[in-house]
Amino acid sequence: MDQLLDVTAVRVKPNYRLELEFENGERRLFDMSSYMNKKPFVCLKDSPLFACAFIDYGTVVWPGEIDIAPETLYDRSVPF
């Protein structure tokens, strides 16, 4: 993907999955499970904070200034 798309909505699902909506209207599913043992996401593992995901500056963020690049979210997600 050559174009950067902002995330406009996020819904937290079980098993560290995120339902995402992008500014082009696409809805995609992103699996965070492979990230949960890596910094900075390890502090969200088995924590209620994971469910506190919200949108800021066009990407998904969590309390504690944890975020993930929107291009990663798009490129590594699947349409649903």
N, C-alpha and C. Protein backbone atom coordinates (compact mmCIF):
# COMPACT_ATOMS: atom_id res chain seq x y z
N MET A 1 0.86 -1.19 0.00
CA MET A 1 0.00 0.00 0.00
C MET A 1 0.89 1.24 0.00
N ASP A 2 0.72 2.07 -0.99
CA ASP A 2 1.55 3.27 -1.10
C ASP A 2 0.91 4.48 -0.44
N GLN A 3 -0.37 4.41 -0.21
CA GLN A 3 -1.09 5.55 0.32
C GLN A 3 -1.34 5.35 1.81
N LEU A 4 -1.18 6.42 2.57
CA LEU A 4 -1.41 6.35 4.01
C LEU A 4 -2.88 6.65 4.29
N LEU A 5 -3.54 5.70 4.94
CA LEU A 5 -4.95 5.87 5.28
C LEU A 5 -5.11 5.99 6.78
N ASP A 6 -5.85 6.99 7.20
CA ASP A 6 -6.14 7.15 8.63
C ASP A 6 -7.17 6.13 9.07
N VAL A 7 -7.03 5.70 10.30
CA VAL A 7 -8.05 4.87 10.94
C VAL A 7 -9.11 5.81 11.49
N THR A 8 -10.37 5.51 11.24
CA THR A 8 -11.45 6.38 11.71
C THR A 8 -12.28 5.74 12.83
N ALA A 9 -12.16 4.42 13.00
CA ALA A 9 -12.91 3.74 14.07
C ALA A 9 -12.19 2.46 14.45
N VAL A 10 -12.30 2.10 15.73
CA VAL A 10 -11.74 0.84 16.22
C VAL A 10 -12.72 0.20 17.18
N ARG A 11 -12.85 -1.12 17.07
CA ARG A 11 -13.63 -1.90 18.01
C ARG A 11 -12.73 -3.04 18.48
N VAL A 12 -12.58 -3.18 19.78
CA VAL A 12 -11.74 -4.23 20.34
C VAL A 12 -12.55 -5.52 20.41
N LYS A 13 -11.96 -6.59 19.88
CA LYS A 13 -12.60 -7.90 19.86
C LYS A 13 -11.78 -8.87 20.71
N PRO A 14 -12.34 -10.04 21.03
CA PRO A 14 -11.58 -11.02 21.82
C PRO A 14 -10.30 -11.47 21.11
N ASN A 15 -9.38 -12.01 21.89
CA ASN A 15 -8.13 -12.58 21.38
C ASN A 15 -7.24 -11.55 20.69
N TYR A 16 -7.24 -10.35 21.22
CA TYR A 16 -6.36 -9.28 20.74
C TYR A 16 -6.59 -8.92 19.27
N ARG A 17 -7.83 -8.93 18.87
CA ARG A 17 -8.16 -8.52 17.51
C ARG A 17 -8.81 -7.15 17.53
N LEU A 18 -8.58 -6.40 16.47
CA LEU A 18 -9.16 -5.08 16.32
C LEU A 18 -9.96 -5.01 15.03
N GLU A 19 -11.21 -4.59 15.13
CA GLU A 19 -12.00 -4.27 13.95
C GLU A 19 -11.72 -2.81 13.65
N LEU A 20 -11.27 -2.53 12.44
CA LEU A 20 -10.87 -1.18 12.07
C LEU A 20 -11.70 -0.67 10.90
N GLU A 21 -11.93 0.63 10.91
CA GLU A 21 -12.49 1.28 9.74
C GLU A 21 -11.52 2.37 9.32
N PHE A 22 -11.25 2.43 8.02
CA PHE A 22 -10.31 3.40 7.48
C PHE A 22 -11.06 4.51 6.76
N GLU A 23 -10.37 5.61 6.51
CA GLU A 23 -11.01 6.78 5.92
C GLU A 23 -11.59 6.52 4.53
N ASN A 24 -11.15 5.48 3.85
CA ASN A 24 -11.71 5.14 2.54
C ASN A 24 -12.96 4.26 2.67
N GLY A 25 -13.40 4.01 3.92
CA GLY A 25 -14.60 3.23 4.16
C GLY A 25 -14.35 1.74 4.34
N GLU A 26 -13.14 1.29 4.08
CA GLU A 26 -12.83 -0.14 4.25
C GLU A 26 -12.89 -0.54 5.71
N ARG A 27 -13.44 -1.74 5.93
CA ARG A 27 -13.44 -2.33 7.27
C ARG A 27 -12.51 -3.53 7.22
N ARG A 28 -11.59 -3.58 8.18
CA ARG A 28 -10.57 -4.63 8.18
C ARG A 28 -10.36 -5.15 9.58
N LEU A 29 -9.87 -6.40 9.68
CA LEU A 29 -9.61 -7.04 10.96
C LEU A 29 -8.10 -7.21 11.12
N PHE A 30 -7.58 -6.71 12.25
CA PHE A 30 -6.15 -6.78 12.55
C PHE A 30 -5.95 -7.64 13.79
N ASP A 31 -5.07 -8.62 13.69
CA ASP A 31 -4.78 -9.52 14.80
C ASP A 31 -3.51 -9.04 15.50
N MET A 32 -3.65 -8.58 16.74
CA MET A 32 -2.52 -8.06 17.52
C MET A 32 -1.78 -9.15 18.29
N SER A 33 -2.25 -10.40 18.26
CA SER A 33 -1.70 -11.43 19.14
C SER A 33 -0.19 -11.62 18.96
N SER A 34 0.33 -11.49 17.76
CA SER A 34 1.77 -11.68 17.55
C SER A 34 2.59 -10.50 18.08
N TYR A 35 1.94 -9.41 18.43
CA TYR A 35 2.63 -8.22 18.96
C TYR A 35 2.65 -8.19 20.48
N MET A 36 1.86 -9.02 21.12
CA MET A 36 1.61 -8.86 22.55
C MET A 36 2.80 -9.23 23.45
N ASN A 37 3.81 -9.88 22.92
CA ASN A 37 5.01 -10.17 23.71
C ASN A 37 6.16 -9.23 23.36
N LYS A 38 5.86 -8.19 22.59
CA LYS A 38 6.88 -7.24 22.15
C LYS A 38 6.61 -5.88 22.78
N LYS A 39 7.68 -5.14 23.00
CA LYS A 39 7.52 -3.76 23.49
C LYS A 39 6.94 -2.92 22.37
N PRO A 40 6.11 -1.97 22.66
CA PRO A 40 5.60 -1.56 23.97
C PRO A 40 4.30 -2.28 24.35
N PHE A 41 3.86 -3.23 23.51
CA PHE A 41 2.53 -3.82 23.68
C PHE A 41 2.44 -4.82 24.82
N VAL A 42 3.58 -5.33 25.30
CA VAL A 42 3.57 -6.35 26.35
C VAL A 42 2.83 -5.86 27.60
N CYS A 43 2.86 -4.57 27.86
CA CYS A 43 2.16 -4.06 29.04
C CYS A 43 0.63 -4.10 28.87
N LEU A 44 0.15 -4.30 27.65
CA LEU A 44 -1.29 -4.41 27.40
C LEU A 44 -1.78 -5.86 27.48
N LYS A 45 -0.85 -6.80 27.46
CA LYS A 45 -1.21 -8.22 27.47
C LYS A 45 -1.85 -8.57 28.81
N ASP A 46 -2.95 -9.29 28.75
CA ASP A 46 -3.69 -9.71 29.94
C ASP A 46 -4.06 -8.52 30.83
N SER A 47 -4.29 -7.39 30.20
CA SER A 47 -4.64 -6.18 30.94
C SER A 47 -5.94 -5.61 30.40
N PRO A 48 -6.75 -5.03 31.28
CA PRO A 48 -7.97 -4.37 30.80
C PRO A 48 -7.65 -3.15 29.93
N LEU A 49 -6.42 -2.68 29.96
CA LEU A 49 -6.05 -1.52 29.14
C LEU A 49 -6.16 -1.79 27.65
N PHE A 50 -6.00 -3.06 27.24
CA PHE A 50 -6.11 -3.36 25.81
C PHE A 50 -7.46 -2.93 25.27
N ALA A 51 -8.50 -3.10 26.06
CA ALA A 51 -9.86 -2.73 25.65
C ALA A 51 -10.07 -1.23 25.60
N CYS A 52 -9.10 -0.45 26.05
CA CYS A 52 -9.22 1.01 26.09
C CYS A 52 -8.69 1.66 24.82
N ALA A 53 -8.53 0.90 23.75
CA ALA A 53 -8.03 1.45 22.49
C ALA A 53 -8.96 2.55 22.00
N PHE A 54 -8.36 3.60 21.45
CA PHE A 54 -9.14 4.68 20.86
C PHE A 54 -8.37 5.26 19.68
N ILE A 55 -9.00 6.15 18.95
CA ILE A 55 -8.39 6.76 17.77
C ILE A 55 -7.86 8.14 18.13
N ASP A 56 -6.63 8.39 17.72
CA ASP A 56 -6.02 9.72 17.87
C ASP A 56 -5.02 9.89 16.73
N TYR A 57 -5.02 11.04 16.13
CA TYR A 57 -4.09 11.34 15.03
C TYR A 57 -4.12 10.28 13.93
N GLY A 58 -5.30 9.71 13.68
CA GLY A 58 -5.47 8.78 12.57
C GLY A 58 -4.99 7.37 12.79
N THR A 59 -4.72 7.01 14.04
CA THR A 59 -4.31 5.63 14.32
C THR A 59 -4.87 5.17 15.66
N VAL A 60 -4.62 3.91 15.98
CA VAL A 60 -5.09 3.32 17.23
C VAL A 60 -4.06 3.60 18.31
N VAL A 61 -4.54 4.08 19.45
CA VAL A 61 -3.66 4.36 20.59
C VAL A 61 -4.28 3.77 21.85
N TRP A 62 -3.40 3.58 22.84
CA TRP A 62 -3.81 3.09 24.16
C TRP A 62 -3.25 4.02 25.22
N PRO A 63 -3.82 3.99 26.41
CA PRO A 63 -3.26 4.79 27.50
C PRO A 63 -1.77 4.46 27.70
N GLY A 64 -1.01 5.47 28.07
CA GLY A 64 0.43 5.30 28.24
C GLY A 64 1.20 5.64 26.99
N GLU A 65 0.54 6.35 26.06
CA GLU A 65 1.18 6.80 24.81
C GLU A 65 1.67 5.63 23.96
N ILE A 66 0.91 4.55 23.95
CA ILE A 66 1.22 3.39 23.11
C ILE A 66 0.38 3.51 21.85
N ASP A 67 1.03 3.34 20.70
CA ASP A 67 0.29 3.38 19.45
C ASP A 67 0.91 2.42 18.45
N ILE A 68 0.27 2.29 17.31
CA ILE A 68 0.75 1.44 16.24
C ILE A 68 0.51 2.18 14.93
N ALA A 69 1.45 2.08 14.02
CA ALA A 69 1.39 2.84 12.77
C ALA A 69 0.16 2.45 11.94
N PRO A 70 -0.53 3.43 11.39
CA PRO A 70 -1.72 3.11 10.59
C PRO A 70 -1.38 2.28 9.37
N GLU A 71 -0.19 2.45 8.79
CA GLU A 71 0.16 1.64 7.62
C GLU A 71 0.36 0.17 8.01
N THR A 72 0.85 -0.07 9.21
CA THR A 72 0.96 -1.45 9.71
C THR A 72 -0.44 -2.05 9.87
N LEU A 73 -1.34 -1.27 10.46
CA LEU A 73 -2.70 -1.73 10.67
C LEU A 73 -3.37 -2.09 9.34
N TYR A 74 -3.14 -1.28 8.32
CA TYR A 74 -3.77 -1.54 7.02
C TYR A 74 -3.10 -2.72 6.32
N ASP A 75 -1.78 -2.67 6.22
CA ASP A 75 -1.06 -3.67 5.45
C ASP A 75 -1.15 -5.07 6.02
N ARG A 76 -1.30 -5.19 7.33
CA ARG A 76 -1.31 -6.51 7.99
C ARG A 76 -2.70 -6.92 8.47
N SER A 77 -3.72 -6.27 7.93
CA SER A 77 -5.10 -6.63 8.29
C SER A 77 -5.79 -7.25 7.08
N VAL A 78 -6.94 -7.85 7.34
CA VAL A 78 -7.69 -8.49 6.27
C VAL A 78 -9.10 -7.89 6.23
N PRO A 79 -9.65 -7.75 5.02
CA PRO A 79 -11.01 -7.23 4.92
C PRO A 79 -12.01 -8.19 5.55
N PHE A 80 -13.11 -7.62 6.05
CA PHE A 80 -14.20 -8.48 6.55
C PHE A 80 -15.53 -7.89 6.15
